[in-house]
Amino acid sequence: MSKILVADDSKVMRQIVVRTLRQAGYSGHDVIEAENGRVCLEKALAESPDLILSDWNMPEMNGIDCLSALRGSGNQTPFGFVTSEGSEEMRARAASAGALFLIAKPFTAETFQEHLGGLL
């Protein structure tokens, strides 16, 4: 069974992401939740998830800093952003930091299938 780490400072948004994952056909996976980037980093290193879905703007450590810290430690876990803004500048920063995709809200199960296909 694959593990998916979902990081967002909003519990409601974490629940929406998890529900959308299920609707997209990813219901058989273990989901681990993190409420900010620092916790996401700790859980990513401790739990070895197969995929990380992270918000961008979070307290204590934001998503891009979490991704940079992971990559800096040699961790290559597939990482994607699920966030409220999807400007070209953010997409470019995400890609150069090593993110596989940036899904902007609002999103659908189809959006998840499109970006997660072949990852799990």
N, C-alpha and C. Protein backbone atom coordinates (compact mmCIF):
# COMPACT_ATOMS: atom_id res chain seq x y z
N MET A 1 0.84 -1.20 0.00
CA MET A 1 0.00 0.00 0.00
C MET A 1 0.87 1.25 0.00
N SER A 2 0.53 2.19 -0.84
CA SER A 2 1.29 3.44 -0.91
C SER A 2 0.87 4.40 0.20
N LYS A 3 1.80 5.28 0.56
CA LYS A 3 1.52 6.30 1.56
C LYS A 3 1.54 7.67 0.88
N ILE A 4 0.53 8.47 1.17
CA ILE A 4 0.46 9.83 0.64
C ILE A 4 0.47 10.79 1.82
N LEU A 5 1.38 11.75 1.79
CA LEU A 5 1.47 12.77 2.83
C LEU A 5 0.80 14.04 2.31
N VAL A 6 -0.21 14.51 3.04
CA VAL A 6 -0.96 15.71 2.65
C VAL A 6 -0.67 16.81 3.66
N ALA A 7 -0.06 17.91 3.19
CA ALA A 7 0.30 19.02 4.09
C ALA A 7 -0.51 20.26 3.74
N ASP A 8 -1.23 20.77 4.72
CA ASP A 8 -1.98 22.02 4.55
C ASP A 8 -2.32 22.52 5.94
N ASP A 9 -2.23 23.84 6.14
CA ASP A 9 -2.52 24.37 7.48
C ASP A 9 -4.02 24.40 7.75
N SER A 10 -4.85 24.17 6.73
CA SER A 10 -6.29 24.11 6.92
C SER A 10 -6.74 22.65 6.98
N LYS A 11 -7.33 22.26 8.13
CA LYS A 11 -7.81 20.89 8.27
C LYS A 11 -8.88 20.60 7.22
N VAL A 12 -9.75 21.58 6.96
CA VAL A 12 -10.80 21.41 5.97
C VAL A 12 -10.20 21.14 4.59
N MET A 13 -9.15 21.89 4.25
CA MET A 13 -8.52 21.69 2.94
C MET A 13 -7.85 20.32 2.86
N ARG A 14 -7.25 19.86 3.97
CA ARG A 14 -6.67 18.50 3.97
C ARG A 14 -7.76 17.47 3.70
N GLN A 15 -8.93 17.66 4.34
CA GLN A 15 -10.05 16.73 4.13
C GLN A 15 -10.52 16.76 2.68
N ILE A 16 -10.56 17.95 2.06
CA ILE A 16 -10.98 18.07 0.66
C ILE A 16 -9.98 17.37 -0.25
N VAL A 17 -8.68 17.54 0.02
CA VAL A 17 -7.65 16.87 -0.79
C VAL A 17 -7.79 15.36 -0.67
N VAL A 18 -7.99 14.86 0.56
CA VAL A 18 -8.13 13.42 0.78
C VAL A 18 -9.38 12.89 0.06
N ARG A 19 -10.48 13.63 0.17
CA ARG A 19 -11.72 13.21 -0.51
C ARG A 19 -11.52 13.18 -2.03
N THR A 20 -10.85 14.20 -2.55
CA THR A 20 -10.60 14.26 -4.00
C THR A 20 -9.70 13.11 -4.43
N LEU A 21 -8.72 12.75 -3.62
CA LEU A 21 -7.87 11.59 -3.91
C LEU A 21 -8.72 10.33 -4.04
N ARG A 22 -9.65 10.15 -3.10
CA ARG A 22 -10.53 8.97 -3.14
C ARG A 22 -11.38 8.99 -4.41
N GLN A 23 -11.94 10.16 -4.74
CA GLN A 23 -12.78 10.28 -5.94
C GLN A 23 -11.96 10.00 -7.20
N ALA A 24 -10.67 10.29 -7.14
CA ALA A 24 -9.79 10.09 -8.30
C ALA A 24 -9.31 8.63 -8.40
N GLY A 25 -9.72 7.81 -7.43
CA GLY A 25 -9.37 6.39 -7.50
C GLY A 25 -8.20 6.00 -6.61
N TYR A 26 -7.79 6.90 -5.72
CA TYR A 26 -6.66 6.61 -4.84
C TYR A 26 -7.13 6.32 -3.41
N SER A 27 -8.17 5.47 -3.29
CA SER A 27 -8.75 5.24 -1.97
C SER A 27 -8.00 4.17 -1.18
N GLY A 28 -7.19 3.35 -1.85
CA GLY A 28 -6.52 2.26 -1.15
C GLY A 28 -5.20 2.66 -0.52
N HIS A 29 -4.95 3.95 -0.39
CA HIS A 29 -3.65 4.40 0.11
C HIS A 29 -3.76 4.92 1.54
N ASP A 30 -2.67 4.78 2.26
CA ASP A 30 -2.55 5.36 3.60
C ASP A 30 -2.33 6.84 3.45
N VAL A 31 -3.09 7.67 4.18
CA VAL A 31 -2.88 9.11 4.12
C VAL A 31 -2.36 9.59 5.46
N ILE A 32 -1.27 10.35 5.39
CA ILE A 32 -0.67 10.96 6.58
C ILE A 32 -0.90 12.46 6.41
N GLU A 33 -1.26 13.14 7.51
CA GLU A 33 -1.52 14.58 7.41
C GLU A 33 -0.48 15.39 8.17
N ALA A 34 -0.19 16.57 7.64
CA ALA A 34 0.73 17.50 8.31
C ALA A 34 0.10 18.89 8.26
N GLU A 35 0.20 19.63 9.36
CA GLU A 35 -0.47 20.94 9.43
C GLU A 35 0.43 22.11 9.06
N ASN A 36 1.70 21.84 8.78
CA ASN A 36 2.57 22.90 8.27
C ASN A 36 3.80 22.26 7.64
N GLY A 37 4.65 23.09 7.05
CA GLY A 37 5.80 22.58 6.33
C GLY A 37 6.83 21.89 7.21
N ARG A 38 6.97 22.37 8.45
CA ARG A 38 7.95 21.75 9.35
C ARG A 38 7.52 20.33 9.69
N VAL A 39 6.24 20.15 10.01
CA VAL A 39 5.71 18.82 10.32
C VAL A 39 5.77 17.94 9.06
N CYS A 40 5.49 18.55 7.91
CA CYS A 40 5.56 17.82 6.64
C CYS A 40 6.97 17.27 6.43
N LEU A 41 7.97 18.10 6.67
CA LEU A 41 9.37 17.69 6.51
C LEU A 41 9.70 16.54 7.46
N GLU A 42 9.31 16.69 8.74
CA GLU A 42 9.57 15.64 9.73
C GLU A 42 8.92 14.32 9.32
N LYS A 43 7.64 14.39 8.92
CA LYS A 43 6.91 13.16 8.57
C LYS A 43 7.42 12.56 7.27
N ALA A 44 7.86 13.42 6.35
CA ALA A 44 8.39 12.91 5.08
C ALA A 44 9.65 12.09 5.34
N LEU A 45 10.49 12.57 6.24
CA LEU A 45 11.74 11.87 6.53
C LEU A 45 11.50 10.63 7.40
N ALA A 46 10.51 10.70 8.31
CA ALA A 46 10.26 9.59 9.22
C ALA A 46 9.40 8.48 8.59
N GLU A 47 8.44 8.85 7.76
CA GLU A 47 7.43 7.90 7.27
C GLU A 47 7.70 7.39 5.85
N SER A 48 8.63 8.01 5.14
CA SER A 48 8.94 7.64 3.76
C SER A 48 7.69 7.47 2.88
N PRO A 49 6.90 8.54 2.71
CA PRO A 49 5.71 8.44 1.86
C PRO A 49 6.10 8.24 0.39
N ASP A 50 5.14 7.77 -0.41
CA ASP A 50 5.37 7.56 -1.84
C ASP A 50 5.06 8.82 -2.64
N LEU A 51 4.32 9.74 -2.01
CA LEU A 51 3.94 10.98 -2.67
C LEU A 51 3.64 12.02 -1.61
N ILE A 52 4.03 13.28 -1.88
CA ILE A 52 3.71 14.38 -0.98
C ILE A 52 2.89 15.40 -1.76
N LEU A 53 1.73 15.77 -1.20
CA LEU A 53 0.91 16.84 -1.75
C LEU A 53 0.90 17.95 -0.72
N SER A 54 1.39 19.12 -1.10
CA SER A 54 1.57 20.18 -0.12
C SER A 54 0.98 21.50 -0.58
N ASP A 55 0.44 22.23 0.39
CA ASP A 55 0.04 23.61 0.17
C ASP A 55 1.33 24.43 0.05
N TRP A 56 1.22 25.63 -0.49
CA TRP A 56 2.39 26.50 -0.64
C TRP A 56 2.56 27.36 0.61
N ASN A 57 1.50 28.12 0.97
CA ASN A 57 1.57 29.06 2.08
C ASN A 57 1.11 28.41 3.37
N MET A 58 2.07 28.16 4.27
CA MET A 58 1.76 27.56 5.57
C MET A 58 2.63 28.21 6.63
N PRO A 59 2.17 28.20 7.89
CA PRO A 59 3.00 28.75 8.98
C PRO A 59 4.20 27.86 9.28
N GLU A 60 5.17 28.41 9.99
CA GLU A 60 6.39 27.74 10.45
C GLU A 60 7.36 27.41 9.32
N MET A 61 6.88 26.81 8.25
CA MET A 61 7.71 26.56 7.08
C MET A 61 6.75 26.41 5.90
N ASN A 62 6.98 27.17 4.83
CA ASN A 62 6.06 27.04 3.70
C ASN A 62 6.43 25.84 2.83
N GLY A 63 5.59 25.56 1.86
CA GLY A 63 5.76 24.37 1.04
C GLY A 63 7.03 24.36 0.21
N ILE A 64 7.40 25.52 -0.33
CA ILE A 64 8.59 25.57 -1.20
C ILE A 64 9.86 25.36 -0.36
N ASP A 65 9.86 25.90 0.88
CA ASP A 65 11.02 25.68 1.76
C ASP A 65 11.10 24.23 2.22
N CYS A 66 9.95 23.63 2.44
CA CYS A 66 9.89 22.20 2.81
C CYS A 66 10.47 21.36 1.67
N LEU A 67 10.04 21.65 0.45
CA LEU A 67 10.54 20.91 -0.72
C LEU A 67 12.06 21.10 -0.86
N SER A 68 12.52 22.32 -0.72
CA SER A 68 13.97 22.59 -0.83
C SER A 68 14.75 21.84 0.25
N ALA A 69 14.21 21.80 1.48
CA ALA A 69 14.89 21.09 2.57
C ALA A 69 14.92 19.58 2.29
N LEU A 70 13.82 19.05 1.76
CA LEU A 70 13.77 17.62 1.42
C LEU A 70 14.82 17.30 0.36
N ARG A 71 14.82 18.08 -0.71
CA ARG A 71 15.76 17.83 -1.80
C ARG A 71 17.20 18.02 -1.31
N GLY A 72 17.41 19.00 -0.42
CA GLY A 72 18.73 19.25 0.14
C GLY A 72 19.24 18.09 0.97
N SER A 73 18.30 17.32 1.57
CA SER A 73 18.69 16.16 2.38
C SER A 73 18.86 14.92 1.52
N GLY A 74 18.65 15.07 0.20
CA GLY A 74 18.80 13.92 -0.69
C GLY A 74 17.50 13.16 -0.91
N ASN A 75 16.41 13.62 -0.29
CA ASN A 75 15.12 12.95 -0.43
C ASN A 75 14.50 13.28 -1.78
N GLN A 76 14.14 12.23 -2.54
CA GLN A 76 13.59 12.43 -3.88
C GLN A 76 12.12 12.00 -3.99
N THR A 77 11.40 11.99 -2.87
CA THR A 77 9.98 11.62 -2.90
C THR A 77 9.22 12.51 -3.88
N PRO A 78 8.39 11.93 -4.76
CA PRO A 78 7.58 12.75 -5.66
C PRO A 78 6.77 13.77 -4.87
N PHE A 79 6.81 15.03 -5.30
CA PHE A 79 6.25 16.15 -4.54
C PHE A 79 5.45 17.02 -5.48
N GLY A 80 4.21 17.34 -5.09
CA GLY A 80 3.40 18.25 -5.89
C GLY A 80 2.68 19.24 -4.99
N PHE A 81 2.43 20.41 -5.53
CA PHE A 81 1.70 21.43 -4.78
C PHE A 81 0.22 21.39 -5.11
N VAL A 82 -0.61 21.57 -4.08
CA VAL A 82 -2.05 21.79 -4.24
C VAL A 82 -2.30 23.09 -3.49
N THR A 83 -2.49 24.18 -4.23
CA THR A 83 -2.46 25.49 -3.59
C THR A 83 -3.45 26.45 -4.24
N SER A 84 -3.70 27.56 -3.57
CA SER A 84 -4.74 28.48 -4.04
C SER A 84 -4.30 29.34 -5.22
N GLU A 85 -3.00 29.52 -5.39
CA GLU A 85 -2.54 30.35 -6.50
C GLU A 85 -1.70 29.51 -7.45
N GLY A 86 -1.83 29.77 -8.72
CA GLY A 86 -1.03 29.02 -9.68
C GLY A 86 -0.40 29.93 -10.72
N SER A 87 0.22 31.02 -10.27
CA SER A 87 0.84 31.94 -11.21
C SER A 87 2.01 31.26 -11.94
N GLU A 88 2.36 31.79 -13.09
CA GLU A 88 3.48 31.24 -13.85
C GLU A 88 4.76 31.28 -13.03
N GLU A 89 4.95 32.36 -12.27
CA GLU A 89 6.15 32.51 -11.44
C GLU A 89 6.21 31.39 -10.39
N MET A 90 5.07 31.11 -9.75
CA MET A 90 5.04 30.04 -8.74
C MET A 90 5.29 28.68 -9.40
N ARG A 91 4.69 28.46 -10.58
CA ARG A 91 4.90 27.19 -11.27
C ARG A 91 6.38 27.00 -11.62
N ALA A 92 7.02 28.08 -12.05
CA ALA A 92 8.44 28.02 -12.40
C ALA A 92 9.28 27.73 -11.17
N ARG A 93 8.98 28.42 -10.05
CA ARG A 93 9.72 28.17 -8.81
C ARG A 93 9.53 26.74 -8.33
N ALA A 94 8.29 26.25 -8.42
CA ALA A 94 7.99 24.88 -7.99
C ALA A 94 8.79 23.88 -8.82
N ALA A 95 8.78 24.07 -10.14
CA ALA A 95 9.49 23.15 -11.04
C ALA A 95 10.98 23.18 -10.78
N SER A 96 11.54 24.38 -10.61
CA SER A 96 13.00 24.46 -10.42
C SER A 96 13.41 23.90 -9.06
N ALA A 97 12.49 23.89 -8.10
CA ALA A 97 12.80 23.31 -6.78
C ALA A 97 12.65 21.80 -6.78
N GLY A 98 12.03 21.26 -7.84
CA GLY A 98 11.91 19.81 -7.93
C GLY A 98 10.50 19.27 -7.81
N ALA A 99 9.49 20.16 -7.83
CA ALA A 99 8.10 19.69 -7.77
C ALA A 99 7.70 19.12 -9.13
N LEU A 100 6.85 18.09 -9.11
CA LEU A 100 6.39 17.47 -10.34
C LEU A 100 5.23 18.24 -10.96
N PHE A 101 4.45 18.93 -10.12
CA PHE A 101 3.29 19.65 -10.62
C PHE A 101 2.82 20.67 -9.59
N LEU A 102 1.97 21.58 -10.05
CA LEU A 102 1.29 22.52 -9.17
C LEU A 102 -0.17 22.51 -9.60
N ILE A 103 -1.04 22.04 -8.71
CA ILE A 103 -2.48 22.02 -8.97
C ILE A 103 -3.08 23.21 -8.23
N ALA A 104 -3.72 24.11 -8.98
CA ALA A 104 -4.34 25.28 -8.36
C ALA A 104 -5.79 24.97 -7.98
N LYS A 105 -6.23 25.54 -6.86
CA LYS A 105 -7.62 25.40 -6.43
C LYS A 105 -8.47 26.33 -7.30
N PRO A 106 -9.70 26.02 -7.61
CA PRO A 106 -10.38 24.77 -7.32
C PRO A 106 -9.92 23.65 -8.24
N PHE A 107 -9.97 22.42 -7.75
CA PHE A 107 -9.52 21.28 -8.54
C PHE A 107 -10.59 20.20 -8.51
N THR A 108 -10.45 19.23 -9.38
CA THR A 108 -11.42 18.14 -9.48
C THR A 108 -10.68 16.80 -9.40
N ALA A 109 -11.44 15.73 -9.28
CA ALA A 109 -10.85 14.39 -9.29
C ALA A 109 -10.09 14.18 -10.60
N GLU A 110 -10.62 14.73 -11.70
CA GLU A 110 -9.96 14.59 -13.01
C GLU A 110 -8.59 15.27 -13.00
N THR A 111 -8.50 16.44 -12.36
CA THR A 111 -7.22 17.14 -12.26
C THR A 111 -6.20 16.25 -11.56
N PHE A 112 -6.63 15.59 -10.48
CA PHE A 112 -5.73 14.72 -9.72
C PHE A 112 -5.31 13.53 -10.59
N GLN A 113 -6.27 12.93 -11.30
CA GLN A 113 -5.93 11.78 -12.15
C GLN A 113 -4.90 12.17 -13.20
N GLU A 114 -5.10 13.36 -13.76
CA GLU A 114 -4.20 13.85 -14.81
C GLU A 114 -2.77 13.99 -14.29
N HIS A 115 -2.61 14.56 -13.08
CA HIS A 115 -1.27 14.83 -12.55
C HIS A 115 -0.65 13.64 -11.81
N LEU A 116 -1.49 12.78 -11.23
CA LEU A 116 -0.97 11.68 -10.42
C LEU A 116 -0.84 10.39 -11.21
N GLY A 117 -1.35 10.37 -12.41
CA GLY A 117 -1.30 9.15 -13.23
C GLY A 117 0.12 8.61 -13.32
N GLY A 118 0.30 7.35 -12.96
CA GLY A 118 1.62 6.73 -13.06
C GLY A 118 2.53 6.97 -11.87
N LEU A 119 2.11 7.82 -10.93
CA LEU A 119 2.98 8.09 -9.78
C LEU A 119 2.82 7.05 -8.67
N LEU A 120 1.61 6.49 -8.53
CA LEU A 120 1.37 5.54 -7.43
C LEU A 120 1.00 4.17 -7.98
